[in-house]
Amino acid sequence: MTVINYNKGKERATPHASYPTANYPTDSIDWLTRLIAFDTVSRHSNLALIEDVQAYCEQLGLTVDLTFNDVKNKANLFVTVPAGANTDEVNHGLVLSGHTDVVPVDGQHWTSEPFTAAIRGDKLYGRGACDMKGFIACALTLLPQAVQLSNAGKLRRPLHLALSFDEEVGCLGAPLILADLKARGITPDYCIVGEPTNMAMVVAHKGIAVYRCRVHGKSAHSSLTAQGVNAISYASRLIGYVDELAEQISHRSDNDALFDVPYSTLSVGTIQGGTATNIVPNLCEFTFDYRNLPHMTQDDILVPIQAKVAELNAQMQARSPETGIELLQEESVPAMTDSDSAELQALIAALTGDDTRHKVAYATEGGQFTNGGIPTIICGPGSIEQAHKADEYVALNEMARCDGFLQKLLNSCASN
């Protein structure tokens, strides 16, 4: 991890009230239009977007901290609007969190250019419109007002903005932000991750772990099967066991009916192997993911799967010692729990007038924040059903609702 503090060795800058900020949007729709124009597909750099937001924050007089990936072609951004004078909340406050990367558009048929925002009717279209540049746009629109309150000594607790990279490919950026905050002694009270929820309050989500299984067999002519070890056949036995285990965990007595899918799931996603029908295959690979309820762990499925792997390995190696099965973990994102966020939930319910709590099957960076000791909820504009699709959009009234929600949230952090 590389941390760049552009005011290293200096006292943190005092924000100034350049409101509206020169050359930058002053409303969330214009901000979203600007953000969509940055092609931040995860395989590309996000630095152009980050540097643009950095310049905006610095025009407001804010100190920007960046954390980079190892090759320094991607960065997280963390910025704080400090509390006013005469407060002990310097290292606490509220985090508004969003990821800057988006999924690819390859192979998708778009009605309009995916990286050019287009308003048609009551919707704004573009890659990232709902997942999740819409929330980031609303948060950036809020910053000048937060700065004015800070300058006037009326901001009772700091307001932080955290923008991450590579959420879509394993939530790789957020841990660097959290490590940096820990090193700097910043312990935020709460975090709101603005993933698309139709502005409903999501208080928990499942974790996700992705595994790759490599089955190494032994080739032979298909007329001499006894001389080979069929990698595809043994892979199929393990896949069948994974499916059986998925069925078992779907009927556990401790499943949670508040989740949209009330049980943990196992799903085989890809498979490849073999070279020709008349050759006993010597390699087969498949991947599967495990989406666990917060109270379940990876060991709940790993222990039985590893036992099955050991059983199959013994069978294979009895025929040929050089054969066997590898089980590799490729991704791991923790579940988000609601065990420590009751106070934040009450605040959000009061601000929105809706105390309904939702729990969802998809994963976000929220689990990493809760694991870092920061009570977190998910709440943002747009629907997850529109994410990752061609003609991704966010409804304009969802953006207005998010603007209103963040305004109320800022007001709750301010004194009269």
Protein backbone atom coordinates (compact mmCIF):
# COMPACT_ATOMS: atom_id res chain seq x y z
CA MET A 1 0.00 0.00 0.00
CA THR A 2 1.23 3.47 -0.83
CA VAL A 3 -0.22 6.43 1.06
CA ILE A 4 0.17 9.92 -0.35
CA ASN A 5 -0.65 12.85 1.89
CA TYR A 6 -0.37 16.02 -0.15
CA ASN A 7 0.01 18.11 3.00
CA LYS A 8 2.59 15.91 4.70
CA GLY A 9 4.56 17.88 7.24
CA LYS A 10 2.00 20.67 7.31
CA GLU A 11 -1.08 21.33 9.37
CA ARG A 12 -4.26 20.30 7.62
CA ALA A 13 -5.66 23.01 5.44
CA THR A 14 -8.65 25.01 6.61
CA PRO A 15 -11.54 24.63 4.16
CA HIS A 16 -12.62 27.74 2.35
CA ALA A 17 -16.07 28.50 1.06
CA SER A 18 -15.58 28.59 -2.72
CA TYR A 19 -19.23 27.78 -3.28
CA PRO A 20 -20.11 27.05 -6.01
CA THR A 21 -16.70 25.64 -6.95
CA ALA A 22 -15.31 27.09 -10.17
CA ASN A 23 -15.58 24.86 -13.24
CA TYR A 24 -17.30 22.05 -11.38
CA PRO A 25 -20.96 20.99 -11.33
CA THR A 26 -23.27 22.34 -8.66
CA ASP A 27 -25.97 19.67 -8.82
CA SER A 28 -25.96 15.87 -8.70
CA ILE A 29 -27.23 15.28 -12.24
CA ASP A 30 -24.40 17.30 -13.75
CA TRP A 31 -21.94 15.59 -11.44
CA LEU A 32 -23.22 12.18 -12.51
CA THR A 33 -22.89 13.17 -16.16
CA ARG A 34 -19.27 14.15 -15.49
CA LEU A 35 -18.46 10.94 -13.59
CA ILE A 36 -19.97 8.60 -16.20
CA ALA A 37 -17.67 10.14 -18.83
CA PHE A 38 -14.69 8.56 -17.04
CA ASP A 39 -14.27 4.98 -18.29
CA THR A 40 -13.43 3.34 -14.97
CA VAL A 41 -14.06 -0.28 -15.93
CA SER A 42 -12.10 -2.31 -13.38
CA ARG A 43 -9.47 -3.44 -15.90
CA HIS A 44 -8.63 0.23 -16.55
CA SER A 45 -7.13 2.94 -14.37
CA ASN A 46 -9.41 5.16 -12.30
CA LEU A 47 -6.82 7.89 -11.82
CA ALA A 48 -8.42 10.44 -14.16
CA LEU A 49 -11.63 10.38 -12.11
CA ILE A 50 -9.75 10.41 -8.80
CA GLU A 51 -7.57 13.34 -9.86
CA ASP A 52 -10.65 15.27 -10.98
CA VAL A 53 -12.36 14.77 -7.62
CA GLN A 54 -9.09 15.57 -5.86
CA ALA A 55 -8.84 18.92 -7.65
CA TYR A 56 -12.45 19.70 -6.74
CA CYS A 57 -11.83 18.94 -3.07
CA GLU A 58 -8.66 21.00 -3.04
CA GLN A 59 -10.54 23.97 -4.52
CA LEU A 60 -12.74 23.64 -1.45
CA GLY A 61 -9.60 23.80 0.71
CA LEU A 62 -9.79 20.17 1.78
CA THR A 63 -6.85 17.84 2.33
CA VAL A 64 -6.94 14.76 0.11
CA ASP A 65 -5.33 11.44 1.02
CA LEU A 66 -4.77 8.82 -1.65
CA THR A 67 -3.86 5.14 -1.34
CA PHE A 68 -2.56 3.39 -4.45
CA ASN A 69 -2.42 -0.18 -5.65
CA ASP A 70 1.01 -1.75 -6.07
CA VAL A 71 1.49 -0.61 -9.68
CA LYS A 72 0.09 2.85 -8.89
CA ASN A 73 -2.41 2.94 -11.74
CA LYS A 74 -5.39 3.00 -9.38
CA ALA A 75 -6.11 4.95 -6.24
CA ASN A 76 -8.56 5.34 -3.40
CA LEU A 77 -9.47 8.82 -2.23
CA PHE A 78 -10.28 9.82 1.33
CA VAL A 79 -11.16 13.37 2.27
CA THR A 80 -12.53 14.94 5.45
CA VAL A 81 -14.61 18.03 6.06
CA PRO A 82 -13.49 18.70 9.63
CA ALA A 83 -15.80 19.45 12.49
CA GLY A 84 -16.00 23.03 13.66
CA ALA A 85 -14.08 24.40 16.61
CA ASN A 86 -14.78 23.38 20.21
CA THR A 87 -15.55 19.74 19.47
CA ASP A 88 -13.89 16.49 20.49
CA GLU A 89 -15.09 14.74 17.33
CA VAL A 90 -11.91 15.37 15.34
CA ASN A 91 -11.18 11.70 14.62
CA HIS A 92 -14.75 10.40 14.48
CA GLY A 93 -17.58 11.41 12.16
CA LEU A 94 -19.57 9.86 9.35
CA VAL A 95 -18.19 8.22 6.19
CA LEU A 96 -19.98 8.36 2.83
CA SER A 97 -18.48 5.53 0.82
CA GLY A 98 -18.60 4.59 -2.85
CA HIS A 99 -16.57 2.63 -5.39
CA THR A 100 -15.38 4.30 -8.56
CA ASP A 101 -14.97 1.22 -10.77
CA VAL A 102 -17.69 -0.15 -13.03
CA VAL A 103 -18.23 -3.44 -14.85
CA PRO A 104 -17.42 -3.86 -18.56
CA VAL A 105 -19.83 -3.19 -21.40
CA ASP A 106 -18.30 -5.84 -23.69
CA GLY A 107 -20.91 -7.84 -25.58
CA GLN A 108 -23.79 -5.67 -24.37
CA HIS A 109 -26.12 -3.89 -26.77
CA TRP A 110 -26.60 -0.30 -25.58
CA THR A 111 -29.16 2.11 -26.99
CA SER A 112 -26.80 5.02 -26.32
CA GLU A 113 -23.08 5.38 -25.66
CA PRO A 114 -22.40 3.77 -22.24
CA PHE A 115 -19.83 6.39 -21.18
CA THR A 116 -21.92 9.36 -22.26
CA ALA A 117 -24.81 10.10 -19.92
CA ALA A 118 -28.16 10.30 -21.67
CA ILE A 119 -31.43 11.47 -20.17
CA ARG A 120 -34.47 9.86 -21.73
CA GLY A 121 -37.76 10.56 -20.05
CA ASP A 122 -37.35 10.30 -16.27
CA LYS A 123 -34.15 8.22 -16.33
CA LEU A 124 -30.44 8.91 -16.74
CA TYR A 125 -28.58 6.18 -18.64
CA GLY A 126 -24.90 5.31 -18.56
CA ARG A 127 -22.48 2.76 -17.18
CA GLY A 128 -22.27 3.33 -13.44
CA ALA A 129 -25.44 5.44 -13.31
CA CYS A 130 -26.80 3.37 -10.44
CA ASP A 131 -23.76 1.23 -9.56
CA MET A 132 -22.66 3.49 -8.10
CA LYS A 133 -21.67 6.86 -9.45
CA GLY A 134 -25.14 8.23 -8.71
CA PHE A 135 -24.46 8.18 -4.98
CA ILE A 136 -20.97 9.60 -5.45
CA ALA A 137 -22.47 12.47 -7.47
CA CYS A 138 -24.89 13.29 -4.67
CA ALA A 139 -22.10 13.17 -2.08
CA LEU A 140 -19.87 15.50 -4.11
CA THR A 141 -22.77 17.93 -4.51
CA LEU A 142 -23.07 18.03 -0.72
CA LEU A 143 -19.43 18.85 0.02
CA PRO A 144 -19.54 22.65 -0.45
CA GLN A 145 -22.41 22.94 2.04
CA ALA A 146 -20.48 20.81 4.53
CA VAL A 147 -17.47 23.09 4.09
CA GLN A 148 -19.59 26.18 4.75
CA LEU A 149 -20.92 24.62 7.97
CA SER A 150 -17.39 23.69 9.01
CA ASN A 151 -16.12 27.22 8.39
CA ALA A 152 -19.00 28.62 10.42
CA GLY A 153 -18.15 26.29 13.32
CA LYS A 154 -21.50 24.53 12.96
CA LEU A 155 -20.39 21.06 11.87
CA ARG A 156 -20.52 18.98 15.05
CA ARG A 157 -18.81 15.91 13.61
CA PRO A 158 -16.52 15.41 10.61
CA LEU A 159 -17.93 14.31 7.28
CA HIS A 160 -15.68 11.91 5.38
CA LEU A 161 -15.85 10.84 1.75
CA ALA A 162 -14.23 7.53 0.77
CA LEU A 163 -13.91 6.55 -2.89
CA SER A 164 -12.40 3.15 -3.65
CA PHE A 165 -11.08 1.17 -6.61
CA ASP A 166 -11.70 -2.45 -7.68
CA GLU A 167 -14.86 -3.16 -5.72
CA GLU A 168 -16.27 -5.06 -8.69
CA VAL A 169 -13.35 -7.52 -8.77
CA GLY A 170 -13.13 -8.55 -5.12
CA CYS A 171 -13.38 -5.34 -3.06
CA LEU A 172 -9.63 -4.81 -3.28
CA GLY A 173 -9.43 -1.08 -2.57
CA ALA A 174 -11.42 -0.61 0.63
CA PRO A 175 -9.01 -2.57 2.88
CA LEU A 176 -6.28 -0.05 1.99
CA ILE A 177 -8.53 2.82 3.08
CA LEU A 178 -9.29 1.06 6.35
CA ALA A 179 -5.62 0.31 7.02
CA ASP A 180 -4.76 3.95 6.39
CA LEU A 181 -7.49 5.17 8.76
CA LYS A 182 -6.25 2.83 11.47
CA ALA A 183 -2.68 4.04 11.03
CA ARG A 184 -3.85 7.65 11.29
CA GLY A 185 -6.03 7.03 14.35
CA ILE A 186 -9.28 7.92 12.57
CA THR A 187 -12.21 5.95 13.98
CA PRO A 188 -15.43 6.99 12.22
CA ASP A 189 -18.67 6.52 14.12
CA TYR A 190 -20.67 5.34 11.12
CA CYS A 191 -20.46 4.55 7.43
CA ILE A 192 -23.07 4.69 4.69
CA VAL A 193 -22.20 2.74 1.54
CA GLY A 194 -24.28 4.15 -1.32
CA GLU A 195 -24.86 0.99 -3.36
CA PRO A 196 -28.23 1.03 -5.17
CA THR A 197 -31.06 0.10 -2.79
CA ASN A 198 -33.87 2.35 -4.08
CA MET A 199 -32.99 4.47 -1.04
CA ALA A 200 -34.15 1.68 1.28
CA MET A 201 -32.06 0.84 4.34
CA VAL A 202 -30.06 -2.36 3.99
CA VAL A 203 -28.65 -3.43 7.35
CA ALA A 204 -26.93 -6.71 6.45
CA HIS A 205 -25.67 -8.61 3.45
CA LYS A 206 -24.07 -11.94 2.70
CA GLY A 207 -20.39 -12.56 2.26
CA ILE A 208 -18.91 -14.14 -0.84
CA ALA A 209 -16.01 -16.50 -1.38
CA VAL A 210 -14.95 -17.73 -4.83
CA TYR A 211 -13.02 -20.97 -5.29
CA ARG A 212 -11.24 -22.58 -8.22
CA CYS A 213 -10.91 -26.36 -8.27
CA ARG A 214 -8.24 -28.00 -10.44
CA VAL A 215 -8.55 -31.74 -10.98
CA HIS A 216 -5.33 -33.28 -12.29
CA GLY A 217 -5.87 -36.65 -13.94
CA LYS A 218 -3.83 -38.85 -16.26
CA SER A 219 -4.25 -38.99 -20.03
CA ALA A 220 -4.78 -42.19 -21.97
CA HIS A 221 -6.46 -43.33 -25.16
CA SER A 222 -10.19 -43.61 -24.56
CA SER A 223 -10.03 -47.28 -25.57
CA LEU A 224 -7.66 -47.85 -22.62
CA THR A 225 -9.53 -46.04 -19.85
CA ALA A 226 -8.02 -48.26 -17.14
CA GLN A 227 -4.63 -46.73 -17.90
CA GLY A 228 -5.88 -43.19 -17.29
CA VAL A 229 -7.53 -41.16 -14.55
CA ASN A 230 -10.43 -39.12 -15.93
CA ALA A 231 -10.19 -35.57 -14.58
CA ILE A 232 -13.66 -34.65 -15.83
CA SER A 233 -15.26 -37.67 -14.16
CA TYR A 234 -13.70 -36.84 -10.80
CA ALA A 235 -14.58 -33.17 -11.20
CA SER A 236 -18.18 -34.19 -11.84
CA ARG A 237 -18.23 -36.19 -8.60
CA LEU A 238 -17.02 -33.18 -6.65
CA ILE A 239 -19.49 -30.89 -8.43
CA GLY A 240 -22.28 -33.30 -7.54
CA TYR A 241 -21.18 -33.13 -3.92
CA VAL A 242 -21.13 -29.31 -3.99
CA ASP A 243 -24.73 -29.40 -5.27
CA GLU A 244 -25.73 -31.84 -2.51
CA LEU A 245 -24.12 -29.59 0.10
CA ALA A 246 -25.95 -26.57 -1.35
CA GLU A 247 -29.23 -28.41 -0.89
CA GLN A 248 -28.33 -29.31 2.69
CA ILE A 249 -27.45 -25.77 3.79
CA SER A 250 -30.62 -24.40 2.20
CA HIS A 251 -32.60 -26.34 4.82
CA ARG A 252 -30.66 -25.37 7.95
CA SER A 253 -32.73 -24.40 10.96
CA ASP A 254 -30.77 -21.14 11.45
CA ASN A 255 -31.57 -19.58 8.08
CA ASP A 256 -32.68 -15.94 8.11
CA ALA A 257 -36.05 -15.13 6.57
CA LEU A 258 -35.24 -11.39 6.42
CA PHE A 259 -32.80 -12.01 3.56
CA ASP A 260 -34.14 -11.93 0.02
CA VAL A 261 -32.56 -15.39 -0.34
CA PRO A 262 -32.91 -16.68 3.25
CA TYR A 263 -30.12 -19.27 3.18
CA SER A 264 -26.46 -19.51 2.24
CA THR A 265 -25.85 -20.64 -1.32
CA LEU A 266 -23.27 -22.62 -3.30
CA SER A 267 -23.19 -22.31 -7.08
CA VAL A 268 -20.86 -23.79 -9.71
CA GLY A 269 -20.23 -21.10 -12.30
CA THR A 270 -17.66 -22.26 -14.86
CA ILE A 271 -16.09 -25.52 -16.05
CA GLN A 272 -13.53 -26.46 -18.67
CA GLY A 273 -11.56 -29.58 -19.46
CA GLY A 274 -10.61 -32.19 -22.02
CA THR A 275 -9.06 -31.96 -25.47
CA ALA A 276 -10.83 -34.63 -27.55
CA THR A 277 -13.51 -37.26 -27.10
CA ASN A 278 -11.03 -40.10 -27.65
CA ILE A 279 -8.58 -38.89 -24.98
CA VAL A 280 -9.04 -39.48 -21.26
CA PRO A 281 -8.70 -35.90 -19.95
CA ASN A 282 -5.83 -35.06 -17.64
CA LEU A 283 -7.19 -31.69 -16.45
CA CYS A 284 -10.54 -30.21 -15.53
CA GLU A 285 -11.12 -26.89 -13.78
CA PHE A 286 -14.30 -25.45 -12.36
CA THR A 287 -15.21 -22.50 -10.17
CA PHE A 288 -17.92 -22.06 -7.58
CA ASP A 289 -18.99 -19.36 -5.18
CA TYR A 290 -20.30 -19.45 -1.64
CA ARG A 291 -22.57 -16.66 -0.44
CA ASN A 292 -22.91 -16.98 3.28
CA LEU A 293 -25.31 -15.55 5.80
CA PRO A 294 -23.42 -13.36 8.31
CA HIS A 295 -23.55 -15.95 11.10
CA MET A 296 -22.05 -18.67 8.90
CA THR A 297 -18.37 -19.03 8.03
CA GLN A 298 -16.38 -20.42 5.15
CA ASP A 299 -15.53 -23.44 7.31
CA ASP A 300 -19.20 -24.45 7.19
CA ILE A 301 -18.66 -25.53 3.59
CA LEU A 302 -14.88 -25.84 3.37
CA VAL A 303 -14.57 -28.58 6.00
CA PRO A 304 -16.98 -30.99 4.27
CA ILE A 305 -15.69 -30.11 0.78
CA GLN A 306 -12.09 -30.67 1.86
CA ALA A 307 -13.10 -34.03 3.33
CA LYS A 308 -14.67 -34.97 0.00
CA VAL A 309 -11.53 -33.81 -1.83
CA ALA A 310 -9.41 -36.04 0.43
CA GLU A 311 -11.70 -38.99 -0.32
CA LEU A 312 -11.47 -38.43 -4.09
CA ASN A 313 -7.72 -37.83 -3.94
CA ALA A 314 -7.24 -41.21 -2.30
CA GLN A 315 -9.24 -42.89 -5.06
CA MET A 316 -7.32 -41.11 -7.82
CA GLN A 317 -3.87 -41.62 -6.33
CA ALA A 318 -4.54 -45.31 -5.82
CA ARG A 319 -4.59 -45.48 -9.61
CA SER A 320 -1.84 -42.96 -10.31
CA PRO A 321 0.18 -41.16 -7.58
CA GLU A 322 0.74 -37.96 -9.59
CA THR A 323 -2.99 -37.17 -9.80
CA GLY A 324 -5.09 -35.15 -7.37
CA ILE A 325 -7.31 -32.17 -6.70
CA GLU A 326 -6.31 -28.59 -5.82
CA LEU A 327 -8.78 -26.22 -4.16
CA LEU A 328 -7.80 -22.56 -4.44
CA GLN A 329 -9.55 -19.47 -3.06
CA GLU A 330 -9.72 -16.56 -5.51
CA GLU A 331 -11.92 -13.99 -3.74
CA SER A 332 -13.23 -13.38 -0.25
CA VAL A 333 -15.51 -10.53 0.80
CA PRO A 334 -16.95 -10.61 4.33
CA ALA A 335 -20.62 -10.41 5.16
CA MET A 336 -22.03 -7.23 6.69
CA THR A 337 -23.77 -7.70 10.02
CA ASP A 338 -26.33 -5.52 11.77
CA SER A 339 -25.06 -6.33 15.26
CA ASP A 340 -23.47 -2.92 15.96
CA SER A 341 -25.47 -0.53 13.80
CA ALA A 342 -28.68 -0.08 15.83
CA GLU A 343 -27.94 3.60 16.55
CA LEU A 344 -27.19 4.31 12.89
CA GLN A 345 -30.31 2.42 11.81
CA ALA A 346 -32.42 4.54 14.15
CA LEU A 347 -30.89 7.72 12.70
CA ILE A 348 -31.55 6.62 9.10
CA ALA A 349 -35.10 5.57 9.93
CA ALA A 350 -35.77 8.97 11.50
CA LEU A 351 -34.36 10.82 8.49
CA THR A 352 -36.20 8.76 5.87
CA GLY A 353 -39.43 8.15 7.76
CA ASP A 354 -39.08 4.43 6.96
CA ASP A 355 -37.88 2.03 9.64
CA THR A 356 -38.00 -1.09 7.43
CA ARG A 357 -34.79 -3.08 7.62
CA HIS A 358 -33.66 -5.08 4.57
CA LYS A 359 -31.05 -7.82 4.17
CA VAL A 360 -29.66 -8.79 0.77
CA ALA A 361 -27.75 -11.59 -0.97
CA TYR A 362 -25.23 -9.43 -2.86
CA ALA A 363 -21.96 -8.33 -1.26
CA THR A 364 -20.52 -4.82 -0.88
CA GLU A 365 -17.64 -3.10 0.87
CA GLY A 366 -19.96 -2.75 3.86
CA GLY A 367 -18.69 -6.00 5.34
CA GLN A 368 -15.13 -4.68 5.29
CA PHE A 369 -16.20 -1.53 7.14
CA THR A 370 -18.09 -3.50 9.78
CA ASN A 371 -15.11 -5.84 10.16
CA GLY A 372 -13.06 -2.68 10.68
CA GLY A 373 -15.26 -1.74 13.63
CA ILE A 374 -17.35 0.90 11.81
CA PRO A 375 -21.14 0.37 12.04
CA THR A 376 -22.43 0.49 8.47
CA ILE A 377 -25.63 0.47 6.45
CA ILE A 378 -26.21 0.37 2.68
CA CYS A 379 -28.44 3.06 1.17
CA GLY A 380 -28.26 4.61 -2.27
CA PRO A 381 -30.18 5.66 -5.38
CA GLY A 382 -31.20 3.23 -8.10
CA SER A 383 -32.03 -0.45 -8.22
CA ILE A 384 -29.56 -3.33 -8.04
CA GLU A 385 -31.67 -4.93 -10.78
CA GLN A 386 -30.33 -2.32 -13.22
CA ALA A 387 -26.69 -2.84 -12.26
CA HIS A 388 -24.30 -4.54 -14.71
CA LYS A 389 -26.86 -4.52 -17.54
CA ALA A 390 -26.95 -2.80 -20.90
CA ASP A 391 -28.73 0.57 -20.69
CA GLU A 392 -28.02 0.81 -16.97
CA TYR A 393 -29.94 3.74 -15.55
CA VAL A 394 -30.93 5.61 -12.43
CA ALA A 395 -34.31 7.30 -12.14
CA LEU A 396 -34.07 11.07 -11.75
CA ASN A 397 -36.43 10.98 -8.78
CA GLU A 398 -34.05 8.52 -7.08
CA MET A 399 -31.26 11.08 -7.42
CA ALA A 400 -33.54 13.73 -5.93
CA ARG A 401 -34.39 11.42 -3.04
CA CYS A 402 -30.70 10.80 -2.40
CA ASP A 403 -29.96 14.53 -2.49
CA GLY A 404 -32.70 15.09 0.06
CA PHE A 405 -31.52 12.23 2.26
CA LEU A 406 -27.91 13.45 2.34
CA GLN A 407 -29.09 16.99 3.06
CA LYS A 408 -30.99 15.73 6.10
CA LEU A 409 -28.00 13.67 7.12
CA LEU A 410 -25.74 16.72 6.93
CA ASN A 411 -28.27 18.76 8.92
CA SER A 412 -28.21 16.06 11.62
CA CYS A 413 -24.45 16.61 11.92
CA ALA A 414 -24.80 20.39 12.27
CA SER A 415 -25.68 22.63 15.16
CA ASN A 416 -28.22 25.42 14.91
